[in-house]
N, C-alpha and C. Protein backbone atom coordinates (compact mmCIF):
# COMPACT_ATOMS: atom_id res chain seq x y z
N UNK A 1 19.77 0.79 -2.67
CA UNK A 1 19.15 2.10 -2.58
C UNK A 1 17.82 2.01 -1.83
N UNK A 2 17.08 0.93 -2.06
CA UNK A 2 15.79 0.77 -1.38
C UNK A 2 15.99 0.66 0.13
N UNK A 3 16.97 -0.11 0.56
CA UNK A 3 17.24 -0.24 1.99
C UNK A 3 17.74 1.08 2.58
N UNK A 4 18.52 1.82 1.80
CA UNK A 4 18.99 3.13 2.25
C UNK A 4 17.80 4.05 2.50
N UNK A 5 16.86 4.07 1.56
CA UNK A 5 15.66 4.90 1.72
C UNK A 5 14.80 4.40 2.88
N UNK A 6 14.69 3.07 3.01
CA UNK A 6 13.85 2.49 4.05
C UNK A 6 14.28 2.92 5.45
N UNK A 7 15.58 3.03 5.68
CA UNK A 7 16.05 3.42 7.02
C UNK A 7 16.14 4.94 7.17
N UNK A 8 15.81 5.67 6.09
CA UNK A 8 15.82 7.14 6.17
C UNK A 8 17.21 7.74 6.11
N UNK A 9 18.17 7.00 5.57
CA UNK A 9 19.54 7.52 5.45
C UNK A 9 19.59 8.45 4.24
N UNK A 10 19.90 9.72 4.48
CA UNK A 10 19.84 10.73 3.40
C UNK A 10 21.21 11.28 3.04
N UNK A 11 22.27 10.67 3.53
CA UNK A 11 23.59 11.24 3.32
C UNK A 11 24.46 10.40 2.39
N UNK A 12 23.82 9.59 1.55
CA UNK A 12 24.57 8.78 0.60
C UNK A 12 25.20 9.63 -0.49
N UNK A 13 26.27 9.13 -1.06
CA UNK A 13 26.99 9.87 -2.10
C UNK A 13 26.19 9.91 -3.40
N UNK A 14 26.31 11.01 -4.09
CA UNK A 14 25.68 11.24 -5.38
C UNK A 14 26.22 10.22 -6.39
N UNK A 15 25.39 9.72 -7.31
CA UNK A 15 25.88 8.76 -8.31
C UNK A 15 27.03 9.29 -9.17
N UNK A 16 27.08 10.58 -9.42
CA UNK A 16 28.21 11.13 -10.18
C UNK A 16 29.50 11.01 -9.38
N UNK A 17 29.42 11.23 -8.08
CA UNK A 17 30.58 11.04 -7.22
C UNK A 17 30.97 9.57 -7.21
N UNK A 18 29.97 8.69 -7.15
CA UNK A 18 30.25 7.26 -7.19
C UNK A 18 30.98 6.85 -8.46
N UNK A 19 30.53 7.36 -9.60
CA UNK A 19 31.19 7.04 -10.87
C UNK A 19 32.62 7.56 -10.88
N UNK A 20 32.85 8.72 -10.30
CA UNK A 20 34.20 9.26 -10.20
C UNK A 20 35.06 8.36 -9.31
N UNK A 21 34.52 7.92 -8.18
CA UNK A 21 35.26 7.03 -7.28
C UNK A 21 35.60 5.72 -7.99
N UNK A 22 34.66 5.16 -8.75
CA UNK A 22 34.92 3.93 -9.49
C UNK A 22 36.08 4.12 -10.47
N UNK A 23 36.08 5.26 -11.16
CA UNK A 23 37.13 5.55 -12.13
C UNK A 23 38.48 5.69 -11.44
N UNK A 24 38.53 6.44 -10.35
CA UNK A 24 39.78 6.62 -9.61
C UNK A 24 40.28 5.29 -9.06
N UNK A 25 39.37 4.45 -8.57
CA UNK A 25 39.75 3.15 -8.03
C UNK A 25 40.29 2.24 -9.14
N UNK A 26 39.69 2.31 -10.31
CA UNK A 26 40.13 1.47 -11.43
C UNK A 26 41.56 1.79 -11.87
N UNK A 27 41.98 3.01 -11.62
CA UNK A 27 43.34 3.43 -12.00
C UNK A 27 44.38 3.03 -10.97
N UNK A 28 43.98 2.36 -9.90
CA UNK A 28 44.89 2.02 -8.80
C UNK A 28 44.96 0.50 -8.61
N UNK A 29 45.73 -0.23 -9.39
CA UNK A 29 45.82 -1.68 -9.19
C UNK A 29 46.45 -2.01 -7.84
N UNK A 30 45.99 -3.11 -7.28
CA UNK A 30 46.49 -3.59 -5.97
C UNK A 30 46.39 -2.50 -4.90
N UNK A 31 45.32 -1.77 -4.91
CA UNK A 31 45.17 -0.61 -4.04
C UNK A 31 44.63 -0.97 -2.66
N UNK A 32 45.09 -0.21 -1.69
CA UNK A 32 44.50 -0.22 -0.35
C UNK A 32 43.67 1.05 -0.26
N UNK A 33 42.35 0.90 -0.04
CA UNK A 33 41.42 2.02 -0.03
C UNK A 33 40.83 2.16 1.37
N UNK A 34 40.69 3.38 1.82
CA UNK A 34 40.05 3.70 3.09
C UNK A 34 38.84 4.56 2.81
N UNK A 35 37.71 4.15 3.36
CA UNK A 35 36.49 4.96 3.28
C UNK A 35 36.07 5.30 4.70
N UNK A 36 36.08 6.57 5.01
CA UNK A 36 35.67 7.05 6.33
C UNK A 36 34.25 7.59 6.21
N UNK A 37 33.31 6.96 6.90
CA UNK A 37 31.91 7.33 6.78
C UNK A 37 31.26 6.58 5.64
N UNK A 38 31.23 5.26 5.73
CA UNK A 38 30.73 4.43 4.63
C UNK A 38 29.22 4.42 4.52
N UNK A 39 28.52 4.81 5.57
CA UNK A 39 27.06 4.83 5.50
C UNK A 39 26.51 3.47 5.14
N UNK A 40 25.57 3.45 4.20
CA UNK A 40 24.92 2.20 3.78
C UNK A 40 25.68 1.51 2.65
N UNK A 41 26.79 2.09 2.22
CA UNK A 41 27.63 1.43 1.24
C UNK A 41 27.43 1.88 -0.20
N UNK A 42 26.73 2.99 -0.42
CA UNK A 42 26.53 3.44 -1.80
C UNK A 42 27.86 3.73 -2.48
N UNK A 43 28.72 4.51 -1.85
CA UNK A 43 30.03 4.80 -2.43
C UNK A 43 30.92 3.57 -2.39
N UNK A 44 30.77 2.75 -1.36
CA UNK A 44 31.56 1.53 -1.25
C UNK A 44 31.34 0.64 -2.46
N UNK A 45 30.08 0.52 -2.89
CA UNK A 45 29.76 -0.31 -4.05
C UNK A 45 30.48 0.20 -5.30
N UNK A 46 30.51 1.51 -5.47
CA UNK A 46 31.22 2.10 -6.61
C UNK A 46 32.71 1.81 -6.53
N UNK A 47 33.28 1.98 -5.34
CA UNK A 47 34.71 1.71 -5.16
C UNK A 47 35.03 0.25 -5.50
N UNK A 48 34.25 -0.67 -4.95
CA UNK A 48 34.49 -2.08 -5.22
C UNK A 48 34.35 -2.40 -6.70
N UNK A 49 33.41 -1.74 -7.37
CA UNK A 49 33.21 -1.98 -8.80
C UNK A 49 34.43 -1.58 -9.61
N UNK A 50 35.18 -0.60 -9.15
CA UNK A 50 36.36 -0.14 -9.87
C UNK A 50 37.63 -0.89 -9.53
N UNK A 51 37.68 -1.50 -8.36
CA UNK A 51 38.91 -2.13 -7.89
C UNK A 51 39.14 -3.51 -8.50
N UNK A 52 40.42 -3.86 -8.62
CA UNK A 52 40.75 -5.20 -9.09
C UNK A 52 40.68 -6.20 -7.93
N UNK A 53 40.87 -7.46 -8.26
CA UNK A 53 40.74 -8.53 -7.27
C UNK A 53 41.81 -8.49 -6.19
N UNK A 54 42.91 -7.78 -6.43
CA UNK A 54 44.01 -7.71 -5.47
C UNK A 54 43.96 -6.47 -4.59
N UNK A 55 42.88 -5.73 -4.68
CA UNK A 55 42.72 -4.51 -3.90
C UNK A 55 41.82 -4.77 -2.69
N UNK A 56 41.79 -3.81 -1.78
CA UNK A 56 40.94 -3.95 -0.60
C UNK A 56 40.38 -2.59 -0.19
N UNK A 57 39.22 -2.64 0.47
CA UNK A 57 38.58 -1.45 1.02
C UNK A 57 38.37 -1.67 2.51
N UNK A 58 38.83 -0.73 3.31
CA UNK A 58 38.49 -0.68 4.72
C UNK A 58 37.44 0.41 4.86
N UNK A 59 36.22 0.01 5.22
CA UNK A 59 35.09 0.94 5.33
C UNK A 59 34.75 1.13 6.80
N UNK A 60 34.91 2.36 7.28
CA UNK A 60 34.66 2.68 8.68
C UNK A 60 33.31 3.37 8.79
N UNK A 61 32.42 2.82 9.62
CA UNK A 61 31.08 3.39 9.81
C UNK A 61 30.64 3.14 11.24
N UNK A 62 30.26 4.21 11.94
CA UNK A 62 29.83 4.12 13.33
C UNK A 62 28.35 3.75 13.45
N UNK A 63 27.51 4.27 12.56
CA UNK A 63 26.06 4.06 12.63
C UNK A 63 25.73 2.60 12.34
N UNK A 64 25.26 1.88 13.36
CA UNK A 64 25.03 0.44 13.21
C UNK A 64 23.88 0.14 12.24
N UNK A 65 22.89 1.00 12.15
CA UNK A 65 21.78 0.76 11.22
C UNK A 65 22.25 0.89 9.79
N UNK A 66 22.99 1.95 9.50
CA UNK A 66 23.54 2.13 8.15
C UNK A 66 24.55 1.02 7.85
N UNK A 67 25.39 0.71 8.81
CA UNK A 67 26.39 -0.34 8.62
C UNK A 67 25.78 -1.70 8.34
N UNK A 68 24.63 -1.97 8.93
CA UNK A 68 23.95 -3.25 8.68
C UNK A 68 23.51 -3.37 7.22
N UNK A 69 23.07 -2.27 6.64
CA UNK A 69 22.70 -2.27 5.21
C UNK A 69 23.95 -2.53 4.37
N UNK A 70 25.03 -1.86 4.70
CA UNK A 70 26.30 -2.06 4.01
C UNK A 70 26.72 -3.53 4.04
N UNK A 71 26.71 -4.13 5.22
CA UNK A 71 27.13 -5.52 5.37
C UNK A 71 26.18 -6.46 4.63
N UNK A 72 24.88 -6.21 4.72
CA UNK A 72 23.89 -7.08 4.07
C UNK A 72 24.13 -7.14 2.57
N UNK A 73 24.45 -6.02 1.96
CA UNK A 73 24.57 -5.98 0.50
C UNK A 73 25.98 -6.22 -0.01
N UNK A 74 27.00 -5.85 0.75
CA UNK A 74 28.37 -5.93 0.24
C UNK A 74 29.29 -6.80 1.09
N UNK A 75 28.83 -7.25 2.23
CA UNK A 75 29.67 -7.98 3.16
C UNK A 75 30.24 -9.28 2.62
N UNK A 76 29.67 -9.79 1.57
CA UNK A 76 30.17 -11.03 0.96
C UNK A 76 31.45 -10.82 0.15
N UNK A 77 31.78 -9.58 -0.16
CA UNK A 77 32.95 -9.30 -1.00
C UNK A 77 34.23 -9.46 -0.17
N UNK A 78 35.11 -10.39 -0.55
CA UNK A 78 36.32 -10.63 0.26
C UNK A 78 37.30 -9.45 0.26
N UNK A 79 37.11 -8.47 -0.63
CA UNK A 79 38.00 -7.30 -0.66
C UNK A 79 37.59 -6.26 0.37
N UNK A 80 36.43 -6.46 1.01
CA UNK A 80 35.86 -5.46 1.91
C UNK A 80 36.03 -5.86 3.37
N UNK A 81 36.50 -4.90 4.15
CA UNK A 81 36.55 -5.04 5.61
C UNK A 81 35.75 -3.88 6.20
N UNK A 82 34.64 -4.20 6.86
CA UNK A 82 33.79 -3.18 7.48
C UNK A 82 34.17 -3.06 8.95
N UNK A 83 34.42 -1.84 9.37
CA UNK A 83 34.81 -1.56 10.76
C UNK A 83 33.72 -0.71 11.39
N UNK A 84 33.05 -1.25 12.40
CA UNK A 84 32.00 -0.53 13.12
C UNK A 84 32.65 0.18 14.31
N UNK A 85 33.16 1.38 14.04
CA UNK A 85 33.91 2.10 15.06
C UNK A 85 33.83 3.59 14.78
N UNK A 86 34.04 4.36 15.83
CA UNK A 86 34.12 5.81 15.69
C UNK A 86 35.33 6.15 14.82
N UNK A 87 35.14 6.99 13.83
CA UNK A 87 36.21 7.34 12.90
C UNK A 87 37.39 8.01 13.57
N UNK A 88 37.14 8.88 14.53
CA UNK A 88 38.24 9.54 15.24
C UNK A 88 39.12 8.51 15.94
N UNK A 89 38.49 7.56 16.63
CA UNK A 89 39.25 6.52 17.34
C UNK A 89 39.99 5.64 16.34
N UNK A 90 39.34 5.29 15.24
CA UNK A 90 39.98 4.42 14.26
C UNK A 90 41.22 5.10 13.66
N UNK A 91 41.09 6.36 13.31
CA UNK A 91 42.24 7.10 12.76
C UNK A 91 43.39 7.10 13.76
N UNK A 92 43.08 7.40 15.01
CA UNK A 92 44.12 7.43 16.04
C UNK A 92 44.83 6.11 16.21
N UNK A 93 44.09 5.01 16.12
CA UNK A 93 44.67 3.68 16.32
C UNK A 93 45.37 3.14 15.07
N UNK A 94 45.13 3.73 13.92
CA UNK A 94 45.67 3.20 12.66
C UNK A 94 46.50 4.21 11.89
N UNK A 95 47.04 5.18 12.59
CA UNK A 95 47.73 6.29 11.92
C UNK A 95 48.98 5.87 11.15
N UNK A 96 49.52 4.70 11.41
CA UNK A 96 50.73 4.24 10.71
C UNK A 96 50.40 3.48 9.41
N UNK A 97 49.14 3.21 9.17
CA UNK A 97 48.76 2.51 7.94
C UNK A 97 48.83 3.47 6.76
N UNK A 98 49.00 2.93 5.57
CA UNK A 98 49.07 3.74 4.35
C UNK A 98 48.01 3.26 3.36
N UNK A 99 47.41 4.23 2.67
CA UNK A 99 46.35 3.93 1.71
C UNK A 99 46.63 4.64 0.40
N UNK A 100 46.23 4.00 -0.67
CA UNK A 100 46.40 4.55 -2.02
C UNK A 100 45.26 5.48 -2.40
N UNK A 101 44.12 5.30 -1.77
CA UNK A 101 42.95 6.13 -2.02
C UNK A 101 42.19 6.25 -0.71
N UNK A 102 41.92 7.48 -0.31
CA UNK A 102 41.11 7.73 0.88
C UNK A 102 39.92 8.55 0.47
N UNK A 103 38.72 8.02 0.74
CA UNK A 103 37.49 8.77 0.53
C UNK A 103 36.96 9.12 1.91
N UNK A 104 37.07 10.39 2.28
CA UNK A 104 36.65 10.86 3.60
C UNK A 104 35.27 11.49 3.46
N UNK A 105 34.25 10.78 3.94
CA UNK A 105 32.87 11.23 3.80
C UNK A 105 32.21 11.35 5.18
N UNK A 106 33.00 11.77 6.15
CA UNK A 106 32.51 11.95 7.52
C UNK A 106 33.34 13.05 8.17
N UNK A 107 32.89 13.51 9.30
CA UNK A 107 33.65 14.55 10.01
C UNK A 107 35.08 14.08 10.32
N UNK A 108 35.26 12.84 10.88
CA UNK A 108 36.63 12.37 11.07
C UNK A 108 37.29 12.12 9.71
N UNK A 109 38.46 12.64 9.57
CA UNK A 109 39.20 12.48 8.31
C UNK A 109 38.96 13.58 7.32
N UNK A 110 37.95 14.37 7.57
CA UNK A 110 37.60 15.47 6.67
C UNK A 110 37.70 16.80 7.42
N UNK A 111 37.00 16.93 8.50
CA UNK A 111 37.03 18.17 9.28
C UNK A 111 37.72 18.00 10.63
N UNK A 112 37.88 16.76 11.06
CA UNK A 112 38.63 16.45 12.27
C UNK A 112 39.72 15.45 11.89
N UNK A 113 40.86 15.58 12.55
CA UNK A 113 41.99 14.66 12.34
C UNK A 113 42.46 14.65 10.89
N UNK A 114 42.35 15.79 10.23
CA UNK A 114 42.75 15.89 8.83
C UNK A 114 44.23 15.60 8.65
N UNK A 115 45.08 16.19 9.46
CA UNK A 115 46.52 15.98 9.29
C UNK A 115 46.89 14.51 9.45
N UNK A 116 46.29 13.84 10.43
CA UNK A 116 46.57 12.41 10.63
C UNK A 116 46.07 11.58 9.45
N UNK A 117 44.93 11.96 8.91
CA UNK A 117 44.38 11.23 7.77
C UNK A 117 45.25 11.43 6.54
N UNK A 118 45.67 12.66 6.29
CA UNK A 118 46.54 12.92 5.14
C UNK A 118 47.87 12.20 5.28
N UNK A 119 48.35 12.03 6.52
CA UNK A 119 49.60 11.31 6.74
C UNK A 119 49.47 9.83 6.37
N UNK A 120 48.26 9.30 6.33
CA UNK A 120 48.02 7.91 5.95
C UNK A 120 48.01 7.73 4.42
N UNK A 121 48.08 8.83 3.71
CA UNK A 121 48.04 8.77 2.25
C UNK A 121 49.42 8.39 1.71
N UNK A 122 49.46 7.30 0.96
CA UNK A 122 50.73 6.83 0.37
C UNK A 122 51.20 7.81 -0.69
N UNK A 123 52.50 7.83 -0.99
CA UNK A 123 52.99 8.67 -2.10
C UNK A 123 52.24 8.33 -3.39
N UNK A 124 51.77 9.36 -4.07
CA UNK A 124 50.97 9.16 -5.27
C UNK A 124 49.52 8.85 -4.98
N UNK A 125 49.17 8.74 -3.70
CA UNK A 125 47.80 8.41 -3.31
C UNK A 125 46.85 9.58 -3.48
N UNK A 126 45.57 9.25 -3.53
CA UNK A 126 44.51 10.24 -3.74
C UNK A 126 43.63 10.37 -2.50
N UNK A 127 43.33 11.60 -2.15
CA UNK A 127 42.41 11.94 -1.05
C UNK A 127 41.21 12.60 -1.71
N UNK A 128 40.02 12.07 -1.44
CA UNK A 128 38.81 12.57 -2.09
C UNK A 128 37.76 12.90 -1.03
N UNK A 129 37.14 14.07 -1.18
CA UNK A 129 36.01 14.45 -0.33
C UNK A 129 34.90 14.97 -1.23
N UNK A 130 33.66 14.75 -0.79
CA UNK A 130 32.52 15.31 -1.53
C UNK A 130 31.71 16.18 -0.59
N UNK A 131 30.55 16.61 -1.04
CA UNK A 131 29.68 17.52 -0.27
C UNK A 131 30.38 18.82 0.05
N UNK A 132 31.11 19.33 -0.92
CA UNK A 132 31.85 20.58 -0.73
C UNK A 132 31.09 21.80 -1.24
N UNK A 133 29.98 21.59 -1.91
CA UNK A 133 29.08 22.69 -2.30
C UNK A 133 27.95 22.74 -1.29
N UNK A 134 27.33 23.89 -1.10
CA UNK A 134 26.26 24.00 -0.09
C UNK A 134 25.19 22.91 -0.25
N UNK A 135 24.87 22.28 0.88
CA UNK A 135 23.88 21.21 0.93
C UNK A 135 22.73 21.63 1.84
N UNK A 136 21.51 21.18 1.53
CA UNK A 136 20.36 21.58 2.35
C UNK A 136 20.44 21.07 3.79
N UNK A 137 21.19 20.00 4.03
CA UNK A 137 21.26 19.45 5.39
C UNK A 137 22.44 19.98 6.20
N UNK A 138 23.18 20.98 5.65
CA UNK A 138 24.30 21.54 6.39
C UNK A 138 23.81 22.33 7.60
N UNK A 139 24.43 22.13 8.76
CA UNK A 139 24.10 22.97 9.91
C UNK A 139 24.72 24.36 9.75
N UNK A 140 24.27 25.29 10.54
CA UNK A 140 24.83 26.64 10.50
C UNK A 140 26.35 26.59 10.69
N UNK A 141 27.06 27.36 9.88
CA UNK A 141 28.50 27.45 9.99
C UNK A 141 29.26 26.39 9.21
N UNK A 142 28.57 25.42 8.63
CA UNK A 142 29.27 24.34 7.93
C UNK A 142 29.93 24.83 6.64
N UNK A 143 29.37 25.83 6.00
CA UNK A 143 29.97 26.37 4.79
C UNK A 143 31.39 26.89 5.05
N UNK A 144 31.59 27.50 6.19
CA UNK A 144 32.93 27.99 6.54
C UNK A 144 33.91 26.82 6.73
N UNK A 145 33.42 25.72 7.31
CA UNK A 145 34.28 24.53 7.46
C UNK A 145 34.70 23.99 6.10
N UNK A 146 33.75 23.92 5.17
CA UNK A 146 34.06 23.41 3.83
C UNK A 146 35.07 24.30 3.13
N UNK A 147 34.91 25.60 3.25
CA UNK A 147 35.85 26.52 2.62
C UNK A 147 37.24 26.41 3.25
N UNK A 148 37.28 26.27 4.56
CA UNK A 148 38.57 26.12 5.25
C UNK A 148 39.27 24.83 4.79
N UNK A 149 38.50 23.75 4.60
CA UNK A 149 39.09 22.50 4.13
C UNK A 149 39.67 22.68 2.73
N UNK A 150 38.92 23.29 1.84
CA UNK A 150 39.43 23.56 0.48
C UNK A 150 40.75 24.34 0.55
N UNK A 151 40.76 25.38 1.35
CA UNK A 151 41.93 26.24 1.48
C UNK A 151 43.12 25.46 2.02
N UNK A 152 42.90 24.63 3.04
CA UNK A 152 43.99 23.83 3.62
C UNK A 152 44.56 22.85 2.61
N UNK A 153 43.69 22.21 1.84
CA UNK A 153 44.16 21.24 0.86
C UNK A 153 44.93 21.93 -0.26
N UNK A 154 44.44 23.07 -0.72
CA UNK A 154 45.11 23.80 -1.80
C UNK A 154 46.48 24.32 -1.36
N UNK A 155 46.62 24.67 -0.08
CA UNK A 155 47.87 25.25 0.42
C UNK A 155 48.87 24.19 0.91
N UNK A 156 48.45 22.94 0.99
CA UNK A 156 49.29 21.88 1.53
C UNK A 156 50.47 21.62 0.60
N UNK A 157 51.69 21.70 1.14
CA UNK A 157 52.91 21.55 0.34
C UNK A 157 53.05 20.18 -0.32
N UNK A 158 52.55 19.15 0.32
CA UNK A 158 52.73 17.79 -0.18
C UNK A 158 51.60 17.32 -1.09
N UNK A 159 50.65 18.20 -1.39
CA UNK A 159 49.49 17.81 -2.18
C UNK A 159 49.32 18.69 -3.41
N UNK A 160 48.80 18.10 -4.46
CA UNK A 160 48.28 18.85 -5.61
C UNK A 160 46.79 18.58 -5.60
N UNK A 161 45.98 19.63 -5.60
CA UNK A 161 44.54 19.41 -5.46
C UNK A 161 43.75 20.20 -6.48
N UNK A 162 42.53 19.73 -6.69
CA UNK A 162 41.59 20.41 -7.57
C UNK A 162 40.20 20.34 -6.95
N UNK A 163 39.47 21.44 -7.03
CA UNK A 163 38.08 21.49 -6.59
C UNK A 163 37.20 21.42 -7.82
N UNK A 164 36.25 20.50 -7.79
CA UNK A 164 35.34 20.31 -8.91
C UNK A 164 33.92 20.64 -8.48
N UNK A 165 33.32 21.57 -9.14
CA UNK A 165 31.94 21.95 -8.82
C UNK A 165 30.96 21.08 -9.60
N UNK A 166 31.07 19.77 -9.40
CA UNK A 166 30.16 18.79 -9.99
C UNK A 166 29.46 18.05 -8.86
N UNK A 167 28.27 17.56 -9.16
CA UNK A 167 27.47 16.83 -8.18
C UNK A 167 27.38 17.65 -6.89
N UNK A 168 27.81 17.07 -5.76
CA UNK A 168 27.73 17.77 -4.48
C UNK A 168 28.99 18.60 -4.20
N UNK A 169 29.89 18.65 -5.17
CA UNK A 169 31.16 19.35 -4.99
C UNK A 169 32.21 18.37 -4.50
N UNK A 170 33.29 18.24 -5.24
CA UNK A 170 34.32 17.26 -4.94
C UNK A 170 35.68 17.95 -4.92
N UNK A 171 36.53 17.54 -4.00
CA UNK A 171 37.92 17.95 -4.00
C UNK A 171 38.75 16.67 -4.08
N UNK A 172 39.70 16.65 -5.00
CA UNK A 172 40.64 15.54 -5.13
C UNK A 172 42.04 16.11 -4.89
N UNK A 173 42.77 15.46 -4.00
CA UNK A 173 44.15 15.87 -3.71
C UNK A 173 45.04 14.65 -3.89
N UNK A 174 46.17 14.84 -4.56
CA UNK A 174 47.15 13.78 -4.76
C UNK A 174 48.41 14.09 -3.97
N UNK A 175 48.88 13.07 -3.24
CA UNK A 175 50.14 13.23 -2.51
C UNK A 175 51.28 13.20 -3.51
N UNK A 176 52.11 14.22 -3.45
CA UNK A 176 53.28 14.29 -4.33
C UNK A 176 54.22 13.14 -3.99
N UNK A 177 54.86 12.58 -5.00
CA UNK A 177 55.76 11.44 -4.78
C UNK A 177 57.13 11.91 -4.37
């Protein structure tokens, strides 16, 4: 957290969201997890804390300064693979992969390339997004994007979803088996 503050990174996940991610990860033995927009690794740490030794996290982060904090603190964990790449490009190149849990905390996978990201969700897998309630750092028009995402997830035939007005606002969607 100190290194996150030191570099001025203000988009880390709320601790309540982190605790939720840890709980969801703990329920998924031998899981393949994808985190889009890993930032400095605050949510990554929660995910790793919940996962068993046979699980893995692929954390995609474009910002090299934030990614350096992530690697410095969590890079020693053999379950973690950090990818320093644009999320849109990574999704396009990895669309055939399947994940048991996807935490989309960036524009790619959340507001862009949503259909491709959801296609990477394994049967019974969970798709999680946060920052769905109004945030002080939202640009103009972002509220409409968040509402459109909620609506798309709720209407998706292959998903069962719930919106939770806790912390920064969370939506969890499960792929029907």
